[in-house]
Protein backbone atom coordinates (compact mmCIF):
# COMPACT_ATOMS: atom_id res chain seq x y z
CA MET A 1 0.00 0.00 0.00
CA LYS A 2 1.18 3.49 -0.86
CA ALA A 3 1.68 6.13 1.81
CA HIS A 4 1.69 9.85 1.09
CA ASP A 5 5.06 11.44 1.79
CA GLY A 6 3.54 14.78 2.86
CA MET A 7 0.92 16.37 5.07
CA TYR A 8 -2.63 17.20 3.95
CA ILE A 9 -2.81 20.94 4.73
CA ASP A 10 -5.08 23.59 3.23
CA GLY A 11 -6.54 21.21 0.68
CA GLU A 12 -3.30 19.79 -0.74
CA TRP A 13 -0.51 17.36 0.06
CA ARG A 14 2.51 19.37 1.20
CA SER A 15 6.09 18.41 1.94
CA ALA A 16 6.84 18.10 5.64
CA ALA A 17 9.14 20.52 7.40
CA SER A 18 11.49 17.69 8.43
CA PRO A 19 12.85 14.75 6.41
CA ASP A 20 12.29 12.45 9.39
CA VAL A 21 9.78 9.64 8.90
CA ILE A 22 7.80 7.16 10.98
CA GLU A 23 7.90 3.53 9.90
CA VAL A 24 4.56 1.72 9.93
CA VAL A 25 4.98 -1.91 10.96
CA ASN A 26 2.63 -4.82 10.33
CA PRO A 27 2.19 -6.42 13.79
CA VAL A 28 1.58 -9.86 12.29
CA ASP A 29 4.95 -10.29 10.54
CA GLU A 30 6.85 -7.29 11.96
CA GLN A 31 7.61 -5.97 8.46
CA VAL A 32 7.64 -2.27 7.50
CA ILE A 33 4.66 -1.58 5.24
CA GLY A 34 4.95 2.18 4.86
CA ARG A 35 6.54 5.41 5.97
CA VAL A 36 4.87 8.72 6.81
CA PRO A 37 6.32 12.11 7.74
CA ALA A 38 7.22 12.76 11.37
CA GLY A 39 5.47 16.10 11.77
CA THR A 40 7.00 18.95 13.71
CA ALA A 41 5.70 22.06 15.47
CA GLU A 42 6.22 23.89 12.17
CA ASP A 43 3.88 21.50 10.36
CA VAL A 44 1.33 21.86 13.15
CA ASP A 45 1.52 25.64 12.92
CA SER A 46 0.89 25.54 9.16
CA ALA A 47 -2.12 23.29 9.66
CA VAL A 48 -3.62 25.41 12.45
CA ARG A 49 -3.15 28.58 10.40
CA ALA A 50 -4.96 26.94 7.49
CA ALA A 51 -7.79 25.85 9.80
CA ARG A 52 -8.13 29.36 11.25
CA ALA A 53 -8.22 30.94 7.80
CA ALA A 54 -10.94 28.53 6.68
CA LEU A 55 -13.04 28.91 9.84
CA PRO A 56 -15.13 32.00 8.93
CA GLY A 57 -16.22 30.57 5.59
CA TRP A 58 -17.09 27.12 6.97
CA THR A 59 -18.92 28.60 9.96
CA ALA A 60 -21.01 30.72 7.60
CA THR A 61 -21.89 27.71 5.46
CA ALA A 62 -25.51 26.72 5.93
CA PRO A 63 -26.04 23.53 7.97
CA ALA A 64 -27.77 21.93 4.98
CA ASP A 65 -24.69 22.54 2.85
CA ARG A 66 -22.41 21.14 5.55
CA ALA A 67 -24.72 18.12 5.68
CA ALA A 68 -24.34 17.64 1.94
CA ARG A 69 -20.56 17.66 2.19
CA LEU A 70 -20.69 15.14 5.06
CA GLY A 71 -22.95 12.96 2.96
CA ALA A 72 -20.40 13.11 0.16
CA LEU A 73 -17.69 12.18 2.69
CA ARG A 74 -19.73 9.19 3.78
CA ASP A 75 -20.03 8.08 0.15
CA ALA A 76 -16.29 8.59 -0.46
CA LEU A 77 -15.50 6.40 2.55
CA ASP A 78 -17.96 3.76 1.40
CA ALA A 79 -16.27 3.64 -2.00
CA ARG A 80 -13.01 2.89 -0.17
CA ARG A 81 -14.56 0.28 2.15
CA ASP A 82 -12.37 -2.62 0.98
CA GLU A 83 -9.19 -0.53 0.94
CA ILE A 84 -9.94 0.76 4.43
CA ALA A 85 -10.40 -2.77 5.79
CA GLU A 86 -7.21 -4.02 4.14
CA THR A 87 -5.25 -1.03 5.44
CA VAL A 88 -6.43 -1.42 9.03
CA THR A 89 -5.67 -5.14 8.89
CA ALA A 90 -2.14 -4.37 7.68
CA GLU A 91 -1.27 -1.67 10.20
CA LEU A 92 -3.26 -2.85 13.25
CA GLY A 93 -3.24 -6.60 12.68
CA ALA A 94 -7.00 -7.10 13.03
CA PRO A 95 -8.46 -10.09 11.16
CA LEU A 96 -9.81 -8.96 7.78
CA LYS A 97 -13.41 -9.94 8.54
CA PHE A 98 -13.37 -7.87 11.72
CA SER A 99 -11.85 -4.96 9.83
CA GLN A 100 -14.60 -5.20 7.22
CA ASN A 101 -17.46 -5.50 9.73
CA VAL A 102 -16.23 -2.99 12.32
CA HIS A 103 -13.19 -0.92 11.36
CA ALA A 104 -14.60 -0.01 7.94
CA ALA A 105 -18.36 -0.29 8.39
CA LEU A 106 -18.79 1.55 11.71
CA PRO A 107 -17.15 4.85 10.71
CA ILE A 108 -19.15 4.91 7.47
CA THR A 109 -22.31 4.59 9.57
CA VAL A 110 -21.18 7.34 11.94
CA ALA A 111 -20.29 9.69 9.08
CA GLY A 112 -23.78 9.15 7.67
CA SER A 113 -25.37 9.86 11.04
CA TYR A 114 -23.69 13.26 11.20
CA ALA A 115 -24.75 14.11 7.67
CA GLU A 116 -28.32 13.61 8.89
CA LEU A 117 -27.76 15.45 12.18
CA ALA A 118 -26.17 18.47 10.51
CA ALA A 119 -29.37 18.90 8.50
CA SER A 120 -31.82 18.34 11.38
CA TYR A 121 -30.05 19.71 14.49
CA SER A 122 -31.62 22.78 16.10
CA PHE A 123 -28.88 25.39 16.34
CA GLU A 124 -31.31 28.02 17.69
CA GLU A 125 -34.10 28.15 20.27
CA LYS A 126 -36.33 30.71 21.98
CA VAL A 127 -36.09 30.98 25.77
CA GLY A 128 -38.42 33.67 27.09
CA ASN A 129 -37.26 36.99 25.66
CA SER A 130 -33.97 35.46 24.47
CA THR A 131 -32.84 33.71 21.34
CA VAL A 132 -30.18 31.12 22.18
CA HIS A 133 -27.73 30.28 19.39
CA GLN A 134 -25.42 27.26 19.27
CA GLU A 135 -22.25 28.30 17.46
CA PRO A 136 -19.07 26.38 16.50
CA ILE A 137 -16.35 26.56 19.11
CA GLY A 138 -13.64 27.18 16.50
CA VAL A 139 -10.53 25.23 15.54
CA VAL A 140 -10.46 21.67 16.86
CA ALA A 141 -7.35 19.60 17.53
CA ALA A 142 -8.32 15.94 17.12
CA ILE A 143 -5.75 13.49 18.55
CA THR A 144 -6.78 9.91 17.92
CA PRO A 145 -5.66 6.42 19.04
CA TRP A 146 -4.64 3.29 17.15
CA ASN A 147 -7.14 0.74 18.44
CA TYR A 148 -10.11 1.85 16.29
CA PRO A 149 -8.20 4.20 14.03
CA LEU A 150 -10.80 5.30 11.49
CA HIS A 151 -13.79 5.13 13.84
CA GLN A 152 -12.11 7.48 16.30
CA ILE A 153 -11.19 9.89 13.49
CA VAL A 154 -14.76 10.01 12.20
CA ALA A 155 -16.23 10.24 15.73
CA LYS A 156 -14.31 13.50 16.20
CA VAL A 157 -14.02 15.04 12.74
CA ALA A 158 -17.59 14.45 11.54
CA PRO A 159 -19.36 16.20 14.45
CA ALA A 160 -16.80 19.00 14.44
CA LEU A 161 -17.47 19.65 10.74
CA ALA A 162 -21.24 19.33 11.29
CA ALA A 163 -20.99 21.99 14.01
CA GLY A 164 -19.13 24.37 11.68
CA CYS A 165 -15.67 23.91 13.20
CA THR A 166 -12.44 23.36 11.31
CA VAL A 167 -10.07 20.56 12.28
CA VAL A 168 -6.43 19.56 12.54
CA LEU A 169 -6.06 15.79 12.97
CA LYS A 170 -3.02 14.09 14.52
CA PRO A 171 -3.59 10.32 14.21
CA ALA A 172 -1.76 7.64 16.18
CA GLU A 173 1.71 6.98 14.79
CA ASP A 174 1.04 3.21 14.65
CA THR A 175 -1.95 3.54 12.31
CA PRO A 176 -1.50 6.65 10.12
CA LEU A 177 -2.20 5.05 6.75
CA VAL A 178 -5.97 4.86 7.20
CA ALA A 179 -5.88 8.53 8.25
CA GLN A 180 -4.37 9.34 4.88
CA LEU A 181 -7.21 7.44 3.20
CA PHE A 182 -9.61 9.57 5.21
CA ALA A 183 -7.91 12.75 3.96
CA GLU A 184 -8.30 11.50 0.39
CA ALA A 185 -12.02 10.97 1.04
CA VAL A 186 -12.34 14.48 2.51
CA HIS A 187 -10.74 15.93 -0.62
CA GLU A 188 -12.99 13.90 -2.92
CA ALA A 189 -16.07 15.01 -0.95
CA GLY A 190 -15.36 18.63 -1.85
CA ILE A 191 -14.88 19.86 1.69
CA PRO A 192 -13.22 23.29 1.29
CA ALA A 193 -9.46 23.72 1.67
CA GLY A 194 -8.33 24.24 5.25
CA VAL A 195 -11.50 22.90 6.83
CA PHE A 196 -9.76 19.57 7.48
CA ASN A 197 -5.99 19.18 7.87
CA LEU A 198 -3.83 16.14 8.63
CA VAL A 199 -0.47 16.14 10.39
CA THR A 200 1.18 12.79 11.06
CA GLY A 201 3.76 12.59 13.81
CA LEU A 202 4.72 11.45 17.29
CA GLY A 203 2.56 12.33 20.27
CA PRO A 204 5.25 14.10 22.33
CA VAL A 205 6.17 16.26 19.31
CA ALA A 206 3.23 16.89 16.98
CA GLY A 207 0.54 16.03 19.51
CA GLN A 208 2.02 18.26 22.18
CA ALA A 209 2.50 21.13 19.74
CA LEU A 210 -1.12 20.82 18.66
CA ALA A 211 -2.47 20.78 22.22
CA GLU A 212 -0.36 23.83 23.11
CA HIS A 213 -1.04 25.87 19.98
CA PRO A 214 -2.76 29.20 20.76
CA GLY A 215 -4.81 28.92 17.57
CA VAL A 216 -6.63 25.81 18.82
CA ASP A 217 -9.92 26.30 20.67
CA LEU A 218 -10.76 22.72 21.66
CA VAL A 219 -8.64 19.60 22.09
CA SER A 220 -10.43 16.28 21.57
CA PHE A 221 -8.29 13.34 22.66
CA THR A 222 -8.84 9.61 22.96
CA GLY A 223 -6.20 7.48 24.66
CA SER A 224 -4.74 6.64 28.03
CA SER A 225 -5.72 8.43 31.21
CA ALA A 226 -2.08 9.38 31.83
CA VAL A 227 -1.78 11.22 28.51
CA GLY A 228 -5.27 12.63 28.95
CA ARG A 229 -4.24 14.24 32.22
CA ARG A 230 -1.24 15.88 30.52
CA ILE A 231 -3.37 17.18 27.68
CA GLY A 232 -5.98 18.42 30.13
CA ALA A 233 -3.32 20.29 32.10
CA THR A 234 -1.86 21.79 28.91
CA ALA A 235 -5.25 22.90 27.62
CA GLY A 236 -6.36 24.08 31.04
CA ALA A 237 -3.42 26.46 31.31
CA ALA A 238 -4.81 28.26 28.26
CA LEU A 239 -8.46 27.79 29.36
CA LYS A 240 -9.21 25.69 26.27
CA LYS A 241 -12.08 23.26 26.27
CA VAL A 242 -11.18 19.58 26.22
CA ALA A 243 -13.08 16.42 25.32
CA LEU A 244 -11.29 13.38 26.73
CA GLU A 245 -12.25 9.74 26.12
CA LEU A 246 -9.87 7.76 28.29
CA GLY A 247 -9.40 4.37 29.91
CA GLY A 248 -11.78 1.79 31.26
CA LYS A 249 -12.01 -1.26 33.50
CA SER A 250 -15.61 -2.17 32.84
CA ALA A 251 -17.58 -4.64 34.93
CA ASN A 252 -19.71 -7.40 33.42
CA VAL A 253 -22.13 -8.20 36.24
CA ILE A 254 -23.91 -11.54 35.96
CA LEU A 255 -26.79 -11.67 38.43
CA PRO A 256 -27.94 -15.11 39.70
CA SER A 257 -31.12 -15.07 37.60
CA ALA A 258 -29.23 -14.60 34.32
CA ASP A 259 -28.63 -17.16 31.58
CA LEU A 260 -25.13 -17.94 32.84
CA ALA A 261 -23.77 -19.69 29.74
CA LYS A 262 -24.89 -16.90 27.43
CA ALA A 263 -23.60 -14.15 29.70
CA VAL A 264 -20.19 -15.80 30.06
CA ASN A 265 -19.76 -16.59 26.37
CA VAL A 266 -20.76 -13.10 25.25
CA GLY A 267 -18.55 -11.63 27.96
CA VAL A 268 -15.50 -13.56 26.79
CA ALA A 269 -16.18 -12.57 23.18
CA ASN A 270 -16.40 -8.93 24.23
CA VAL A 271 -12.98 -9.03 25.89
CA MET A 272 -11.27 -10.89 23.03
CA SER A 273 -12.69 -8.60 20.33
CA ASN A 274 -10.00 -6.47 18.64
CA SER A 275 -7.40 -8.47 20.63
CA GLY A 276 -8.63 -6.85 23.83
CA GLN A 277 -7.68 -3.39 22.58
CA THR A 278 -11.02 -1.79 23.40
CA CYS A 279 -11.35 0.83 26.12
CA SER A 280 -14.94 -0.19 26.87
CA ALA A 281 -14.24 -3.96 27.06
CA TRP A 282 -15.88 -5.81 29.96
CA THR A 283 -12.59 -6.96 31.44
CA ARG A 284 -13.99 -7.75 34.92
CA MET A 285 -16.59 -10.52 35.05
CA LEU A 286 -18.50 -10.54 38.34
CA VAL A 287 -20.24 -13.81 39.25
CA HIS A 288 -22.20 -14.91 42.34
CA ARG A 289 -20.21 -17.26 44.57
CA GLU A 290 -22.65 -20.16 44.00
CA GLN A 291 -22.19 -19.97 40.21
CA TYR A 292 -18.53 -19.04 40.25
CA ASP A 293 -16.90 -22.40 39.51
CA GLU A 294 -19.27 -23.08 36.62
CA ALA A 295 -18.60 -19.62 35.18
CA VAL A 296 -14.84 -20.11 35.36
CA GLU A 297 -15.14 -23.44 33.54
CA LEU A 298 -17.32 -21.88 30.84
CA ALA A 299 -14.99 -18.91 30.41
CA ALA A 300 -11.88 -21.06 30.11
CA ALA A 301 -13.54 -23.19 27.43
CA ALA A 302 -14.75 -20.11 25.53
CA ALA A 303 -11.33 -18.44 25.64
CA ALA A 304 -9.64 -21.55 24.26
CA LYS A 305 -11.64 -21.13 21.04
CA TYR A 306 -10.02 -17.75 20.38
CA GLY A 307 -6.45 -19.02 20.20
CA ASP A 308 -6.22 -18.67 16.41
CA ARG A 309 -9.13 -16.27 15.89
CA ILE A 310 -7.69 -13.01 17.20
CA GLY A 311 -4.89 -10.91 15.81
CA PRO A 312 -1.81 -9.55 17.56
CA VAL A 313 -1.66 -6.43 19.70
CA VAL A 314 -0.43 -3.35 17.92
CA ASN A 315 3.32 -3.32 18.65
CA ALA A 316 6.14 -4.87 20.66
CA LYS A 317 5.78 -2.35 23.48
CA GLN A 318 2.10 -3.20 23.92
CA GLN A 319 2.86 -6.92 23.79
CA ALA A 320 5.44 -6.56 26.57
CA ARG A 321 3.02 -4.44 28.60
CA VAL A 322 0.20 -6.98 28.42
CA ARG A 323 2.48 -9.92 29.15
CA GLY A 324 3.84 -7.97 32.13
CA TYR A 325 0.34 -7.60 33.54
CA ILE A 326 -0.29 -11.33 33.14
CA GLU A 327 2.92 -12.08 35.02
CA LYS A 328 1.88 -9.66 37.75
CA GLY A 329 -1.51 -11.33 38.05
CA VAL A 330 0.17 -14.68 38.66
CA ALA A 331 2.58 -13.13 41.15
CA GLU A 332 -0.28 -11.58 43.12
CA GLY A 333 -2.09 -14.92 43.44
CA ALA A 334 -4.62 -14.97 40.61
CA ARG A 335 -5.14 -18.39 39.01
CA LEU A 336 -4.58 -18.82 35.28
CA VAL A 337 -7.30 -20.96 33.70
CA ALA A 338 -6.52 -20.02 30.08
CA GLY A 339 -3.59 -18.48 28.29
CA GLY A 340 -0.59 -17.01 30.06
CA PRO A 341 2.39 -14.70 29.48
CA GLU A 342 4.12 -16.84 26.86
CA SER A 343 3.66 -15.64 23.29
CA PRO A 344 1.66 -18.22 21.27
CA GLN A 345 3.68 -17.53 18.10
CA GLU A 346 7.33 -16.96 17.35
CA GLN A 347 6.68 -14.01 15.02
CA GLY A 348 4.31 -11.14 15.50
CA TYR A 349 3.07 -9.31 18.58
CA PHE A 350 0.63 -11.97 19.71
CA VAL A 351 -0.73 -12.48 23.23
CA ALA A 352 -2.57 -15.65 24.24
CA PRO A 353 -6.27 -15.22 25.13
CA THR A 354 -6.00 -15.23 28.91
CA VAL A 355 -8.48 -15.78 31.75
CA PHE A 356 -7.76 -15.30 35.46
CA ALA A 357 -9.84 -16.85 38.24
CA ASP A 358 -9.62 -16.26 42.01
CA VAL A 359 -9.13 -12.55 41.39
CA THR A 360 -9.74 -10.18 44.29
CA PRO A 361 -10.82 -6.56 43.77
CA ASP A 362 -7.55 -5.14 45.07
CA MET A 363 -5.31 -7.01 42.59
CA THR A 364 -3.55 -5.00 39.90
CA VAL A 365 -5.24 -6.97 37.12
CA ALA A 366 -8.62 -6.01 38.60
CA GLN A 367 -7.80 -2.32 38.94
CA GLU A 368 -5.65 -1.25 35.99
CA GLU A 369 -6.45 -1.18 32.29
CA ILE A 370 -4.46 -3.93 30.56
CA PHE A 371 -5.62 -3.30 26.98
CA GLY A 372 -5.10 -6.84 25.80
CA PRO A 373 -7.05 -10.14 25.61
CA VAL A 374 -7.13 -10.65 29.38
CA LEU A 375 -10.29 -11.38 31.41
CA THR A 376 -10.47 -11.38 35.22
CA ILE A 377 -13.28 -13.22 37.02
CA LEU A 378 -14.31 -12.05 40.48
CA ARG A 379 -16.83 -13.60 42.88
CA TYR A 380 -19.39 -11.64 44.88
CA GLU A 381 -21.61 -12.51 47.84
CA ASP A 382 -24.77 -10.52 47.07
CA GLU A 383 -25.94 -7.59 44.95
CA GLU A 384 -24.53 -4.95 47.29
CA ASP A 385 -21.16 -6.68 47.18
CA ALA A 386 -21.37 -6.85 43.38
CA LEU A 387 -22.14 -3.12 43.21
CA ARG A 388 -19.24 -2.29 45.50
CA ILE A 389 -16.84 -4.27 43.32
CA ALA A 390 -18.27 -2.91 40.06
CA ASN A 391 -17.87 0.69 41.24
CA GLY A 392 -14.55 0.03 42.94
CA THR A 393 -12.11 1.38 40.34
CA VAL A 394 -11.08 4.86 39.20
CA TYR A 395 -12.76 4.19 35.85
CA GLY A 396 -16.37 4.40 34.71
CA LEU A 397 -16.57 4.05 30.95
CA ALA A 398 -18.89 1.11 30.25
CA GLY A 399 -20.29 -2.10 31.66
CA ALA A 400 -22.90 -4.81 31.36
CA VAL A 401 -25.58 -6.38 33.50
CA TRP A 402 -27.32 -9.72 32.93
CA ALA A 403 -30.49 -10.89 34.68
CA GLY A 404 -33.51 -13.08 33.97
CA ASP A 405 -35.77 -10.05 34.43
CA GLU A 406 -34.80 -6.97 32.40
CA SER A 407 -36.13 -4.61 35.09
CA GLU A 408 -33.81 -6.26 37.61
CA ALA A 409 -30.84 -5.62 35.34
CA VAL A 410 -31.91 -2.01 34.71
CA ALA A 411 -32.27 -1.34 38.44
CA PHE A 412 -28.72 -2.55 39.02
CA ALA A 413 -27.35 -0.68 36.01
CA ARG A 414 -28.81 2.61 37.24
CA ARG A 415 -26.61 2.30 40.35
CA MET A 416 -23.38 1.72 38.43
CA ASP A 417 -20.94 4.63 38.20
CA THR A 418 -20.35 4.36 34.48
CA GLY A 419 -21.33 6.14 31.30
CA GLN A 420 -22.80 3.27 29.30
CA VAL A 421 -24.27 -0.09 30.32
CA ASP A 422 -25.43 -2.95 28.08
CA ILE A 423 -28.47 -4.82 29.37
CA ASN A 424 -28.54 -8.56 28.60
CA GLY A 425 -26.18 -8.13 25.66
CA GLY A 426 -27.70 -4.95 24.23
CA ARG A 427 -26.24 -3.96 20.86
CA PHE A 428 -23.88 -1.01 20.36
CA ASN A 429 -25.79 2.10 19.32
CA PRO A 430 -23.75 4.61 17.24
CA LEU A 431 -26.29 7.34 18.00
CA ALA A 432 -26.13 6.98 21.79
CA PRO A 433 -23.68 9.17 23.76
CA PHE A 434 -20.40 7.41 24.50
CA GLY A 435 -18.12 8.53 27.31
CA GLY A 436 -17.29 7.93 30.92
CA TYR A 437 -17.50 8.89 34.57
CA LYS A 438 -14.56 9.50 36.90
CA GLN A 439 -11.14 9.05 35.27
CA SER A 440 -12.64 7.62 32.09
CA GLY A 441 -12.94 11.07 30.62
CA VAL A 442 -14.74 14.35 30.09
CA GLY A 443 -17.51 14.84 27.53
CA ARG A 444 -19.34 12.55 25.13
CA GLU A 445 -18.95 11.29 21.58
CA LEU A 446 -21.47 10.08 18.97
CA GLY A 447 -24.96 11.28 18.16
CA ALA A 448 -26.39 14.65 19.13
CA HIS A 449 -24.43 14.68 22.40
CA GLY A 450 -21.21 14.30 20.41
CA LEU A 451 -22.17 17.21 18.18
CA ALA A 452 -22.89 19.40 21.21
CA GLU A 453 -19.26 19.05 22.39
CA TYR A 454 -18.16 21.25 19.46
CA LEU A 455 -20.67 24.05 20.11
CA GLN A 456 -20.74 27.07 22.38
CA THR A 457 -23.80 29.01 23.48
CA LYS A 458 -24.72 32.65 22.79
CA SER A 459 -27.88 34.37 24.11
CA LEU A 460 -29.49 37.39 22.46
CA GLN A 461 -32.00 39.29 24.66
CA PHE A 462 -34.91 41.24 23.13
C-alpha cells in the first residue's frame, strides 16, 4: 500500500518541514509496510493557520450545505470500504473480517449519522425573551488512538465539521495510513481547503505542539488516562475546552437469575474482540459465589476457542506491557485458567487469550487497564457486594448487566458509576452518547451529544 510522503494541509498534500519519517509496521509479521512524515511544530503551525483561515467561511456555510458535504464524505469512505479494511488489517493486525465489519463499516455509519444530524439539528431556540444560538467553538485539535483508528477519526471530525468547526487531525503513529485514506475521502467530498488538515507525527512532538497551539480552541483526545491528564493540564493552562475519552475497567455483572452460559460466552467474546484493545471492554466478570466455579469453567472453554481467531496487539511495546500484567496477576495470586504470558507464536506481537480466576478486587489486574485479551473473574456474595466491586475502580466508561428479568438488570445498572451499560447483551448504538464517569474522561462522543461538544452558546435578549 502506498503512503503519502507529505501532510494534507489547506486542501493539498505538502512536503513536511522535516525529512524524518515514521515507519509503519505490520504487527503480524513485523515488516515495515509504509513510511509517513514525522510532523514537527512547524507542520502543526501551518495546519492550524490553514484551519483558522478557513473557519469563517465554513462557519457561515448553511447547515444543509455542511450536511451535503458530510454525505459526500460518507459516500467517499464507502467507495473505499475494501481498501480501508485491508489497510487497518495491515497496520493494526486485526483479522480482515473484523476490519470489514467494524473498522470499515462503523465509521461509514457514523459519518452518515452526522450528515443527517447536521441537516436536522436545532442550532437556535427561543427561551423567554432570548434567542439562544449554538455556534461552533472554533478550531479543533483531534488526537486519535490506534485501536479503532478510522472510527475514532470520524467520531471527532464528523461532528466538528457538522458543528461548523475546522479541524487539525493528529492520528496515532502506529496507524496513520488509514488517516491518509480519510484525507483522500475528505478531498474527494469537496470539503473546502483548510477545513480539514492532517499532520502525522509522534505524540510528544506533533501532539504536544497541537495541544499547546494558541490557535486551537478545543482539544479532543482519545487514549490513556495518563496522557489525557497531561493534555488536560496543557489545555487548562490556556483555558481551552477539552473532550477526553480515556481508559476503562468495565464490569460485566452476571446476576444469579441470568442465563449464565450466554452471559459468560458473550462476555468472553467482548474481551477478546479487537485483541482486547477496546477501552470499553468488559474486562472484569462478576459472578455470584454459588455460580462461580461453573462460570470459570465456561470462560476457560470459551477463551480456548479464540487461540487462532484473534490478531496480535499493535506493537512490541504493547505486547510486553500486556504480558507484564499477566505475570503480575500470577505473582499476586490470581489463578490462570486459560492463556498465560508466553507468546503463542514466534513471530508477530501476539498475546494468548488469557483468563484469570480467584481474582480479588484489590489485585492490579482487577484495577488497571491492561488493553489486551485478558479477562479477570471475580466472585461476589450478594448484589450490594457486586455493586461495591463494580464501582470500585477509578474508571467508569462502560459495563454490562445480565439478569432473567430486564427490570432487575436495569435497576442494578442505574446504580453503576459508568457512562454506558449494556443490558442482557444490548447492541452497540452509534447514535447513543459514548463517554465515561470519573477518570474515564470528560464529555461525550457520537450522536447529538457528540455534536454538542463542538458548540458554544450565545444568548441574544430582546
